[in-house]
Amino acid sequence: MTEFIERREFFRMQIDCEIHCENKENGDYIYMGRCTTLSGAGISFITLKKLKVNDRLNVTINPQQALTSAIEAKISVMRITPLEDNAFEIGATLEILKH
């Protein structure tokens, strides 16, 4: 039997909710996407906006349930994967997290 060893420090949750991104450094204001996973150290989301590795963004994650408040974070883009329909999957690290 193959034994699985978890190397992640934080559990990754599959989610599906709106994410609003803001990049004041290059003049972009706010654009939206769909958050797909979230953990204590990282996030992935899908957006139509083409970003660059090392872009630093302020994001707001808006849960679908009103029971949970919005989460605000600063992220740094680590990975960009082109998808169909001119979309991109973004993988990023969370630098500051509050809600």
PDB file of N, CA and C in Angstrom:
ATOM      1  N   MET A   1       0.830  -1.174   0.000  1.00  0.00           N
ATOM      2  CA  MET A   1       0.000   0.000   0.000  1.00  0.00           C
ATOM      3  C   MET A   1       0.883   1.249   0.000  1.00  0.00           C
ATOM      4  N   THR A   2       0.551   2.204  -0.869  1.00  0.00           N
ATOM      5  CA  THR A   2       1.293   3.455  -0.944  1.00  0.00           C
ATOM      6  C   THR A   2       0.849   4.372   0.185  1.00  0.00           C
ATOM      7  N   GLU A   3       1.810   4.936   0.882  1.00  0.00           N
ATOM      8  CA  GLU A   3       1.503   5.816   1.992  1.00  0.00           C
ATOM      9  C   GLU A   3       1.617   7.268   1.526  1.00  0.00           C
ATOM     10  N   PHE A   4       0.586   8.066   1.798  1.00  0.00           N
ATOM     11  CA  PHE A   4       0.572   9.472   1.419  1.00  0.00           C
ATOM     12  C   PHE A   4       1.109  10.311   2.563  1.00  0.00           C
ATOM     13  N   ILE A   5       2.026  11.206   2.258  1.00  0.00           N
ATOM     14  CA  ILE A   5       2.574  12.120   3.259  1.00  0.00           C
ATOM     15  C   ILE A   5       2.183  13.544   2.863  1.00  0.00           C
ATOM     16  N   GLU A   6       1.413  14.196   3.707  1.00  0.00           N
ATOM     17  CA  GLU A   6       0.985  15.576   3.452  1.00  0.00           C
ATOM     18  C   GLU A   6       2.141  16.515   3.750  1.00  0.00           C
ATOM     19  N   ARG A   7       2.527  17.311   2.762  1.00  0.00           N
ATOM     20  CA  ARG A   7       3.653  18.236   2.936  1.00  0.00           C
ATOM     21  C   ARG A   7       3.194  19.669   3.162  1.00  0.00           C
ATOM     22  N   ARG A   8       1.915  19.906   3.020  1.00  0.00           N
ATOM     23  CA  ARG A   8       1.395  21.251   3.219  1.00  0.00           C
ATOM     24  C   ARG A   8       1.284  21.559   4.711  1.00  0.00           C
ATOM     25  N   GLU A   9       1.569  22.793   5.058  1.00  0.00           N
ATOM     26  CA  GLU A   9       1.443  23.218   6.437  1.00  0.00           C
ATOM     27  C   GLU A   9      -0.015  23.494   6.798  1.00  0.00           C
ATOM     28  N   PHE A  10      -0.824  23.898   5.791  1.00  0.00           N
ATOM     29  CA  PHE A  10      -2.218  24.244   6.013  1.00  0.00           C
ATOM     30  C   PHE A  10      -3.119  23.420   5.092  1.00  0.00           C
ATOM     31  N   PHE A  11      -4.294  23.079   5.563  1.00  0.00           N
ATOM     32  CA  PHE A  11      -5.296  22.370   4.783  1.00  0.00           C
ATOM     33  C   PHE A  11      -5.844  23.300   3.703  1.00  0.00           C
ATOM     34  N   ARG A  12      -6.027  22.792   2.494  1.00  0.00           N
ATOM     35  CA  ARG A  12      -6.557  23.578   1.385  1.00  0.00           C
ATOM     36  C   ARG A  12      -8.049  23.302   1.252  1.00  0.00           C
ATOM     37  N   MET A  13      -8.868  24.362   1.296  1.00  0.00           N
ATOM     38  CA  MET A  13     -10.315  24.232   1.159  1.00  0.00           C
ATOM     39  C   MET A  13     -10.743  24.562  -0.266  1.00  0.00           C
ATOM     40  N   GLN A  14     -11.609  23.747  -0.824  1.00  0.00           N
ATOM     41  CA  GLN A  14     -12.210  24.036  -2.114  1.00  0.00           C
ATOM     42  C   GLN A  14     -13.379  24.981  -1.849  1.00  0.00           C
ATOM     43  N   ILE A  15     -13.387  26.121  -2.528  1.00  0.00           N
ATOM     44  CA  ILE A  15     -14.480  27.078  -2.360  1.00  0.00           C
ATOM     45  C   ILE A  15     -14.879  27.621  -3.725  1.00  0.00           C
ATOM     46  N   ASP A  16     -15.989  28.295  -3.778  1.00  0.00           N
ATOM     47  CA  ASP A  16     -16.462  28.930  -5.004  1.00  0.00           C
ATOM     48  C   ASP A  16     -17.170  30.213  -4.612  1.00  0.00           C
ATOM     49  N   CYS A  17     -16.441  31.324  -4.692  1.00  0.00           N
ATOM     50  CA  CYS A  17     -17.028  32.606  -4.319  1.00  0.00           C
ATOM     51  C   CYS A  17     -16.317  33.732  -5.074  1.00  0.00           C
ATOM     52  N   GLU A  18     -16.910  34.916  -5.023  1.00  0.00           N
ATOM     53  CA  GLU A  18     -16.330  36.091  -5.687  1.00  0.00           C
ATOM     54  C   GLU A  18     -15.054  36.534  -4.996  1.00  0.00           C
ATOM     55  N   ILE A  19     -14.135  37.034  -5.811  1.00  0.00           N
ATOM     56  CA  ILE A  19     -12.939  37.680  -5.273  1.00  0.00           C
ATOM     57  C   ILE A  19     -12.767  38.989  -6.040  1.00  0.00           C
ATOM     58  N   HIS A  20     -12.489  40.048  -5.320  1.00  0.00           N
ATOM     59  CA  HIS A  20     -12.227  41.356  -5.920  1.00  0.00           C
ATOM     60  C   HIS A  20     -10.749  41.663  -5.716  1.00  0.00           C
ATOM     61  N   CYS A  21     -10.065  42.033  -6.788  1.00  0.00           N
ATOM     62  CA  CYS A  21      -8.627  42.281  -6.741  1.00  0.00           C
ATOM     63  C   CYS A  21      -8.348  43.747  -7.048  1.00  0.00           C
ATOM     64  N   GLU A  22      -7.375  44.307  -6.344  1.00  0.00           N
ATOM     65  CA  GLU A  22      -6.985  45.697  -6.568  1.00  0.00           C
ATOM     66  C   GLU A  22      -5.467  45.769  -6.634  1.00  0.00           C
ATOM     67  N   ASN A  23      -4.968  46.409  -7.675  1.00  0.00           N
ATOM     68  CA  ASN A  23      -3.525  46.582  -7.841  1.00  0.00           C
ATOM     69  C   ASN A  23      -3.260  48.064  -8.043  1.00  0.00           C
ATOM     70  N   LYS A  24      -2.926  48.749  -6.970  1.00  0.00           N
ATOM     71  CA  LYS A  24      -2.680  50.190  -7.041  1.00  0.00           C
ATOM     72  C   LYS A  24      -1.316  50.511  -7.640  1.00  0.00           C
ATOM     73  N   GLU A  25      -0.392  49.548  -7.623  1.00  0.00           N
ATOM     74  CA  GLU A  25       0.966  49.795  -8.101  1.00  0.00           C
ATOM     75  C   GLU A  25       1.022  50.113  -9.590  1.00  0.00           C
ATOM     76  N   ASN A  26       0.176  49.436 -10.401  1.00  0.00           N
ATOM     77  CA  ASN A  26       0.253  49.677 -11.843  1.00  0.00           C
ATOM     78  C   ASN A  26      -0.960  50.424 -12.384  1.00  0.00           C
ATOM     79  N   GLY A  27      -1.784  50.992 -11.504  1.00  0.00           N
ATOM     80  CA  GLY A  27      -2.896  51.811 -11.946  1.00  0.00           C
ATOM     81  C   GLY A  27      -4.199  51.068 -12.156  1.00  0.00           C
ATOM     82  N   ASP A  28      -4.179  49.723 -12.103  1.00  0.00           N
ATOM     83  CA  ASP A  28      -5.432  48.980 -12.219  1.00  0.00           C
ATOM     84  C   ASP A  28      -6.250  49.236 -10.967  1.00  0.00           C
ATOM     85  N   TYR A  29      -7.546  49.338 -11.147  1.00  0.00           N
ATOM     86  CA  TYR A  29      -8.382  49.552  -9.976  1.00  0.00           C
ATOM     87  C   TYR A  29      -8.921  48.213  -9.491  1.00  0.00           C
ATOM     88  N   ILE A  30     -10.155  47.887  -9.753  1.00  0.00           N
ATOM     89  CA  ILE A  30     -10.714  46.647  -9.229  1.00  0.00           C
ATOM     90  C   ILE A  30     -11.221  45.779 -10.366  1.00  0.00           C
ATOM     91  N   TYR A  31     -10.921  44.498 -10.303  1.00  0.00           N
ATOM     92  CA  TYR A  31     -11.469  43.526 -11.230  1.00  0.00           C
ATOM     93  C   TYR A  31     -11.864  42.302 -10.433  1.00  0.00           C
ATOM     94  N   MET A  32     -12.738  41.481 -11.013  1.00  0.00           N
ATOM     95  CA  MET A  32     -13.308  40.368 -10.272  1.00  0.00           C
ATOM     96  C   MET A  32     -12.827  39.032 -10.792  1.00  0.00           C
ATOM     97  N   GLY A  33     -13.014  38.016  -9.968  1.00  0.00           N
ATOM     98  CA  GLY A  33     -12.713  36.651 -10.347  1.00  0.00           C
ATOM     99  C   GLY A  33     -13.497  35.701  -9.472  1.00  0.00           C
ATOM    100  N   ARG A  34     -13.216  34.400  -9.609  1.00  0.00           N
ATOM    101  CA  ARG A  34     -13.841  33.361  -8.804  1.00  0.00           C
ATOM    102  C   ARG A  34     -12.758  32.667  -7.995  1.00  0.00           C
ATOM    103  N   CYS A  35     -12.861  32.723  -6.693  1.00  0.00           N
ATOM    104  CA  CYS A  35     -11.911  32.046  -5.814  1.00  0.00           C
ATOM    105  C   CYS A  35     -12.232  30.557  -5.836  1.00  0.00           C
ATOM    106  N   THR A  36     -11.204  29.701  -5.993  1.00  0.00           N
ATOM    107  CA  THR A  36     -11.418  28.259  -6.092  1.00  0.00           C
ATOM    108  C   THR A  36     -10.850  27.483  -4.910  1.00  0.00           C
ATOM    109  N   THR A  37      -9.712  27.913  -4.363  1.00  0.00           N
ATOM    110  CA  THR A  37      -9.166  27.269  -3.166  1.00  0.00           C
ATOM    111  C   THR A  37      -8.579  28.327  -2.234  1.00  0.00           C
ATOM    112  N   LEU A  38      -8.558  27.979  -0.950  1.00  0.00           N
ATOM    113  CA  LEU A  38      -8.043  28.895   0.066  1.00  0.00           C
ATOM    114  C   LEU A  38      -7.420  28.070   1.185  1.00  0.00           C
ATOM    115  N   SER A  39      -6.249  28.506   1.642  1.00  0.00           N
ATOM    116  CA  SER A  39      -5.614  27.862   2.794  1.00  0.00           C
ATOM    117  C   SER A  39      -5.014  28.954   3.670  1.00  0.00           C
ATOM    118  N   GLY A  40      -4.375  28.564   4.737  1.00  0.00           N
ATOM    119  CA  GLY A  40      -3.743  29.532   5.627  1.00  0.00           C
ATOM    120  C   GLY A  40      -2.554  30.227   5.000  1.00  0.00           C
ATOM    121  N   ALA A  41      -2.015  29.679   3.914  1.00  0.00           N
ATOM    122  CA  ALA A  41      -0.817  30.244   3.298  1.00  0.00           C
ATOM    123  C   ALA A  41      -1.010  30.664   1.849  1.00  0.00           C
ATOM    124  N   GLY A  42      -2.113  30.253   1.206  1.00  0.00           N
ATOM    125  CA  GLY A  42      -2.249  30.555  -0.209  1.00  0.00           C
ATOM    126  C   GLY A  42      -3.677  30.562  -0.689  1.00  0.00           C
ATOM    127  N   ILE A  43      -3.813  30.934  -1.953  1.00  0.00           N
ATOM    128  CA  ILE A  43      -5.120  31.086  -2.577  1.00  0.00           C
ATOM    129  C   ILE A  43      -4.982  30.798  -4.070  1.00  0.00           C
ATOM    130  N   SER A  44      -6.036  30.304  -4.677  1.00  0.00           N
ATOM    131  CA  SER A  44      -6.078  30.242  -6.138  1.00  0.00           C
ATOM    132  C   SER A  44      -7.430  30.777  -6.592  1.00  0.00           C
ATOM    133  N   PHE A  45      -7.414  31.446  -7.737  1.00  0.00           N
ATOM    134  CA  PHE A  45      -8.646  32.012  -8.270  1.00  0.00           C
ATOM    135  C   PHE A  45      -8.543  32.111  -9.782  1.00  0.00           C
ATOM    136  N   ILE A  46      -9.685  32.270 -10.412  1.00  0.00           N
ATOM    137  CA  ILE A  46      -9.771  32.387 -11.865  1.00  0.00           C
ATOM    138  C   ILE A  46     -10.236  33.791 -12.199  1.00  0.00           C
ATOM    139  N   THR A  47      -9.555  34.420 -13.155  1.00  0.00           N
ATOM    140  CA  THR A  47      -9.888  35.773 -13.570  1.00  0.00           C
ATOM    141  C   THR A  47      -9.632  35.938 -15.061  1.00  0.00           C
ATOM    142  N   LEU A  48     -10.266  36.930 -15.647  1.00  0.00           N
ATOM    143  CA  LEU A  48     -10.018  37.253 -17.055  1.00  0.00           C
ATOM    144  C   LEU A  48      -8.853  38.218 -17.197  1.00  0.00           C
ATOM    145  N   LYS A  49      -8.413  38.793 -16.092  1.00  0.00           N
ATOM    146  CA  LYS A  49      -7.310  39.754 -16.104  1.00  0.00           C
ATOM    147  C   LYS A  49      -5.978  39.005 -16.146  1.00  0.00           C
ATOM    148  N   LYS A  50      -5.136  39.336 -17.107  1.00  0.00           N
ATOM    149  CA  LYS A  50      -3.820  38.709 -17.182  1.00  0.00           C
ATOM    150  C   LYS A  50      -2.898  39.404 -16.189  1.00  0.00           C
ATOM    151  N   LEU A  51      -2.437  38.647 -15.219  1.00  0.00           N
ATOM    152  CA  LEU A  51      -1.526  39.174 -14.205  1.00  0.00           C
ATOM    153  C   LEU A  51      -0.113  38.712 -14.497  1.00  0.00           C
ATOM    154  N   LYS A  52       0.832  39.170 -13.670  1.00  0.00           N
ATOM    155  CA  LYS A  52       2.229  38.760 -13.816  1.00  0.00           C
ATOM    156  C   LYS A  52       2.704  38.145 -12.503  1.00  0.00           C
ATOM    157  N   VAL A  53       3.638  37.192 -12.612  1.00  0.00           N
ATOM    158  CA  VAL A  53       4.259  36.632 -11.420  1.00  0.00           C
ATOM    159  C   VAL A  53       4.887  37.775 -10.625  1.00  0.00           C
ATOM    160  N   ASN A  54       4.748  37.729  -9.331  1.00  0.00           N
ATOM    161  CA  ASN A  54       5.220  38.734  -8.374  1.00  0.00           C
ATOM    162  C   ASN A  54       4.319  39.959  -8.264  1.00  0.00           C
ATOM    163  N   ASP A  55       3.201  40.031  -9.047  1.00  0.00           N
ATOM    164  CA  ASP A  55       2.240  41.111  -8.814  1.00  0.00           C
ATOM    165  C   ASP A  55       1.763  41.012  -7.375  1.00  0.00           C
ATOM    166  N   ARG A  56       1.646  42.169  -6.736  1.00  0.00           N
ATOM    167  CA  ARG A  56       1.137  42.226  -5.365  1.00  0.00           C
ATOM    168  C   ARG A  56      -0.225  42.900  -5.413  1.00  0.00           C
ATOM    169  N   LEU A  57      -1.220  42.226  -4.846  1.00  0.00           N
ATOM    170  CA  LEU A  57      -2.597  42.701  -4.931  1.00  0.00           C
ATOM    171  C   LEU A  57      -3.241  42.735  -3.558  1.00  0.00           C
ATOM    172  N   ASN A  58      -4.200  43.624  -3.408  1.00  0.00           N
ATOM    173  CA  ASN A  58      -5.107  43.583  -2.274  1.00  0.00           C
ATOM    174  C   ASN A  58      -6.345  42.850  -2.774  1.00  0.00           C
ATOM    175  N   VAL A  59      -6.831  41.872  -2.023  1.00  0.00           N
ATOM    176  CA  VAL A  59      -8.009  41.130  -2.445  1.00  0.00           C
ATOM    177  C   VAL A  59      -9.047  41.120  -1.333  1.00  0.00           C
ATOM    178  N   THR A  60     -10.297  41.017  -1.754  1.00  0.00           N
ATOM    179  CA  THR A  60     -11.426  40.818  -0.849  1.00  0.00           C
ATOM    180  C   THR A  60     -12.165  39.587  -1.333  1.00  0.00           C
ATOM    181  N   ILE A  61     -12.308  38.607  -0.462  1.00  0.00           N
ATOM    182  CA  ILE A  61     -13.011  37.367  -0.782  1.00  0.00           C
ATOM    183  C   ILE A  61     -14.385  37.459  -0.140  1.00  0.00           C
ATOM    184  N   ASN A  62     -15.422  37.350  -0.981  1.00  0.00           N
ATOM    185  CA  ASN A  62     -16.796  37.483  -0.508  1.00  0.00           C
ATOM    186  C   ASN A  62     -17.491  36.129  -0.481  1.00  0.00           C
ATOM    187  N   PRO A  63     -17.622  35.517   0.699  1.00  0.00           N
ATOM    188  CA  PRO A  63     -18.280  34.213   0.792  1.00  0.00           C
ATOM    189  C   PRO A  63     -19.732  34.292   0.338  1.00  0.00           C
ATOM    190  N   GLN A  64     -20.256  33.177  -0.173  1.00  0.00           N
ATOM    191  CA  GLN A  64     -21.641  33.133  -0.622  1.00  0.00           C
ATOM    192  C   GLN A  64     -22.606  33.179   0.553  1.00  0.00           C
ATOM    193  N   GLN A  65     -22.198  32.653   1.681  1.00  0.00           N
ATOM    194  CA  GLN A  65     -23.051  32.624   2.871  1.00  0.00           C
ATOM    195  C   GLN A  65     -22.895  33.924   3.650  1.00  0.00           C
ATOM    196  N   ALA A  66     -24.009  34.503   4.040  1.00  0.00           N
ATOM    197  CA  ALA A  66     -23.971  35.743   4.814  1.00  0.00           C
ATOM    198  C   ALA A  66     -23.477  35.494   6.245  1.00  0.00           C
ATOM    199  N   LEU A  67     -23.344  34.236   6.635  1.00  0.00           N
ATOM    200  CA  LEU A  67     -22.883  33.902   7.985  1.00  0.00           C
ATOM    201  C   LEU A  67     -21.411  34.219   8.188  1.00  0.00           C
ATOM    202  N   THR A  68     -20.655  34.305   7.098  1.00  0.00           N
ATOM    203  CA  THR A  68     -19.218  34.560   7.165  1.00  0.00           C
ATOM    204  C   THR A  68     -18.927  35.931   6.576  1.00  0.00           C
ATOM    205  N   SER A  69     -18.136  36.729   7.268  1.00  0.00           N
ATOM    206  CA  SER A  69     -17.803  38.060   6.759  1.00  0.00           C
ATOM    207  C   SER A  69     -16.756  37.966   5.655  1.00  0.00           C
ATOM    208  N   ALA A  70     -16.622  39.034   4.890  1.00  0.00           N
ATOM    209  CA  ALA A  70     -15.621  39.096   3.822  1.00  0.00           C
ATOM    210  C   ALA A  70     -14.220  39.000   4.432  1.00  0.00           C
ATOM    211  N   ILE A  71     -13.298  38.460   3.650  1.00  0.00           N
ATOM    212  CA  ILE A  71     -11.908  38.321   4.081  1.00  0.00           C
ATOM    213  C   ILE A  71     -11.059  39.242   3.213  1.00  0.00           C
ATOM    214  N   GLU A  72     -10.217  40.049   3.839  1.00  0.00           N
ATOM    215  CA  GLU A  72      -9.310  40.931   3.110  1.00  0.00           C
ATOM    216  C   GLU A  72      -7.888  40.415   3.288  1.00  0.00           C
ATOM    217  N   ALA A  73      -7.117  40.435   2.188  1.00  0.00           N
ATOM    218  CA  ALA A  73      -5.747  39.917   2.254  1.00  0.00           C
ATOM    219  C   ALA A  73      -4.867  40.644   1.253  1.00  0.00           C
ATOM    220  N   LYS A  74      -3.568  40.593   1.496  1.00  0.00           N
ATOM    221  CA  LYS A  74      -2.564  41.014   0.522  1.00  0.00           C
ATOM    222  C   LYS A  74      -1.965  39.732  -0.011  1.00  0.00           C
ATOM    223  N   ILE A  75      -1.837  39.647  -1.337  1.00  0.00           N
ATOM    224  CA  ILE A  75      -1.307  38.434  -1.940  1.00  0.00           C
ATOM    225  C   ILE A  75      -0.163  38.768  -2.888  1.00  0.00           C
ATOM    226  N   SER A  76       0.640  37.762  -3.171  1.00  0.00           N
ATOM    227  CA  SER A  76       1.714  37.863  -4.152  1.00  0.00           C
ATOM    228  C   SER A  76       1.531  36.717  -5.140  1.00  0.00           C
ATOM    229  N   VAL A  77       1.406  37.050  -6.431  1.00  0.00           N
ATOM    230  CA  VAL A  77       1.158  36.048  -7.473  1.00  0.00           C
ATOM    231  C   VAL A  77       2.395  35.184  -7.662  1.00  0.00           C
ATOM    232  N   MET A  78       2.195  33.866  -7.585  1.00  0.00           N
ATOM    233  CA  MET A  78       3.296  32.911  -7.735  1.00  0.00           C
ATOM    234  C   MET A  78       3.194  32.099  -9.026  1.00  0.00           C
ATOM    235  N   ARG A  79       1.952  31.865  -9.499  1.00  0.00           N
ATOM    236  CA  ARG A  79       1.743  30.985 -10.648  1.00  0.00           C
ATOM    237  C   ARG A  79       0.567  31.480 -11.470  1.00  0.00           C
ATOM    238  N   ILE A  80       0.704  31.395 -12.804  1.00  0.00           N
ATOM    239  CA  ILE A  80      -0.363  31.778 -13.735  1.00  0.00           C
ATOM    240  C   ILE A  80      -0.516  30.653 -14.749  1.00  0.00           C
ATOM    241  N   THR A  81      -1.739  30.125 -14.865  1.00  0.00           N
ATOM    242  CA  THR A  81      -2.017  29.052 -15.811  1.00  0.00           C
ATOM    243  C   THR A  81      -3.102  29.518 -16.771  1.00  0.00           C
ATOM    244  N   PRO A  82      -2.797  29.646 -18.074  1.00  0.00           N
ATOM    245  CA  PRO A  82      -3.835  30.030 -19.039  1.00  0.00           C
ATOM    246  C   PRO A  82      -4.914  28.949 -19.127  1.00  0.00           C
ATOM    247  N   LEU A  83      -6.162  29.379 -19.214  1.00  0.00           N
ATOM    248  CA  LEU A  83      -7.303  28.485 -19.349  1.00  0.00           C
ATOM    249  C   LEU A  83      -8.054  28.820 -20.633  1.00  0.00           C
ATOM    250  N   GLU A  84      -9.108  28.071 -20.907  1.00  0.00           N
ATOM    251  CA  GLU A  84      -9.944  28.372 -22.066  1.00  0.00           C
ATOM    252  C   GLU A  84     -10.686  29.681 -21.842  1.00  0.00           C
ATOM    253  N   ASP A  85     -11.258  30.222 -22.907  1.00  0.00           N
ATOM    254  CA  ASP A  85     -12.071  31.443 -22.846  1.00  0.00           C
ATOM    255  C   ASP A  85     -11.300  32.655 -22.325  1.00  0.00           C
ATOM    256  N   ASN A  86     -10.002  32.727 -22.609  1.00  0.00           N
ATOM    257  CA  ASN A  86      -9.155  33.858 -22.214  1.00  0.00           C
ATOM    258  C   ASN A  86      -9.117  34.092 -20.708  1.00  0.00           C
ATOM    259  N   ALA A  87      -9.301  33.040 -19.926  1.00  0.00           N
ATOM    260  CA  ALA A  87      -9.232  33.146 -18.470  1.00  0.00           C
ATOM    261  C   ALA A  87      -7.863  32.640 -17.990  1.00  0.00           C
ATOM    262  N   PHE A  88      -7.545  32.943 -16.737  1.00  0.00           N
ATOM    263  CA  PHE A  88      -6.285  32.543 -16.133  1.00  0.00           C
ATOM    264  C   PHE A  88      -6.542  32.027 -14.724  1.00  0.00           C
ATOM    265  N   GLU A  89      -5.873  30.922 -14.363  1.00  0.00           N
ATOM    266  CA  GLU A  89      -5.903  30.463 -12.980  1.00  0.00           C
ATOM    267  C   GLU A  89      -4.667  31.031 -12.298  1.00  0.00           C
ATOM    268  N   ILE A  90      -4.883  31.721 -11.202  1.00  0.00           N
ATOM    269  CA  ILE A  90      -3.813  32.399 -10.477  1.00  0.00           C
ATOM    270  C   ILE A  90      -3.575  31.661  -9.165  1.00  0.00           C
ATOM    271  N   GLY A  91      -2.323  31.361  -8.869  1.00  0.00           N
ATOM    272  CA  GLY A  91      -1.927  30.821  -7.575  1.00  0.00           C
ATOM    273  C   GLY A  91      -1.106  31.872  -6.864  1.00  0.00           C
ATOM    274  N   ALA A  92      -1.439  32.153  -5.612  1.00  0.00           N
ATOM    275  CA  ALA A  92      -0.756  33.234  -4.901  1.00  0.00           C
ATOM    276  C   ALA A  92      -0.574  32.876  -3.427  1.00  0.00           C
ATOM    277  N   THR A  93       0.397  33.530  -2.812  1.00  0.00           N
ATOM    278  CA  THR A  93       0.600  33.385  -1.371  1.00  0.00           C
ATOM    279  C   THR A  93      -0.147  34.501  -0.647  1.00  0.00           C
ATOM    280  N   LEU A  94      -0.676  34.175   0.530  1.00  0.00           N
ATOM    281  CA  LEU A  94      -1.323  35.169   1.383  1.00  0.00           C
ATOM    282  C   LEU A  94      -0.258  35.788   2.268  1.00  0.00           C
ATOM    283  N   GLU A  95      -0.222  37.097   2.303  1.00  0.00           N
ATOM    284  CA  GLU A  95       0.768  37.779   3.123  1.00  0.00           C
ATOM    285  C   GLU A  95       0.182  38.373   4.390  1.00  0.00           C
ATOM    286  N   ILE A  96      -1.009  38.911   4.290  1.00  0.00           N
ATOM    287  CA  ILE A  96      -1.699  39.461   5.460  1.00  0.00           C
ATOM    288  C   ILE A  96      -3.152  39.048   5.318  1.00  0.00           C
ATOM    289  N   LEU A  97      -3.741  38.588   6.376  1.00  0.00           N
ATOM    290  CA  LEU A  97      -5.116  38.122   6.316  1.00  0.00           C
ATOM    291  C   LEU A  97      -5.894  38.695   7.469  1.00  0.00           C
ATOM    292  N   LYS A  98      -7.043  39.289   7.184  1.00  0.00           N
ATOM    293  CA  LYS A  98      -7.921  39.773   8.245  1.00  0.00           C
ATOM    294  C   LYS A  98      -9.354  39.657   7.766  1.00  0.00           C
ATOM    295  N   HIS A  99     -10.271  39.634   8.710  1.00  0.00           N
ATOM    296  CA  HIS A  99     -11.701  39.614   8.354  1.00  0.00           C
ATOM    297  C   HIS A  99     -12.502  40.245   9.449  1.00  0.00           C
TER     298      HIS A  99
END
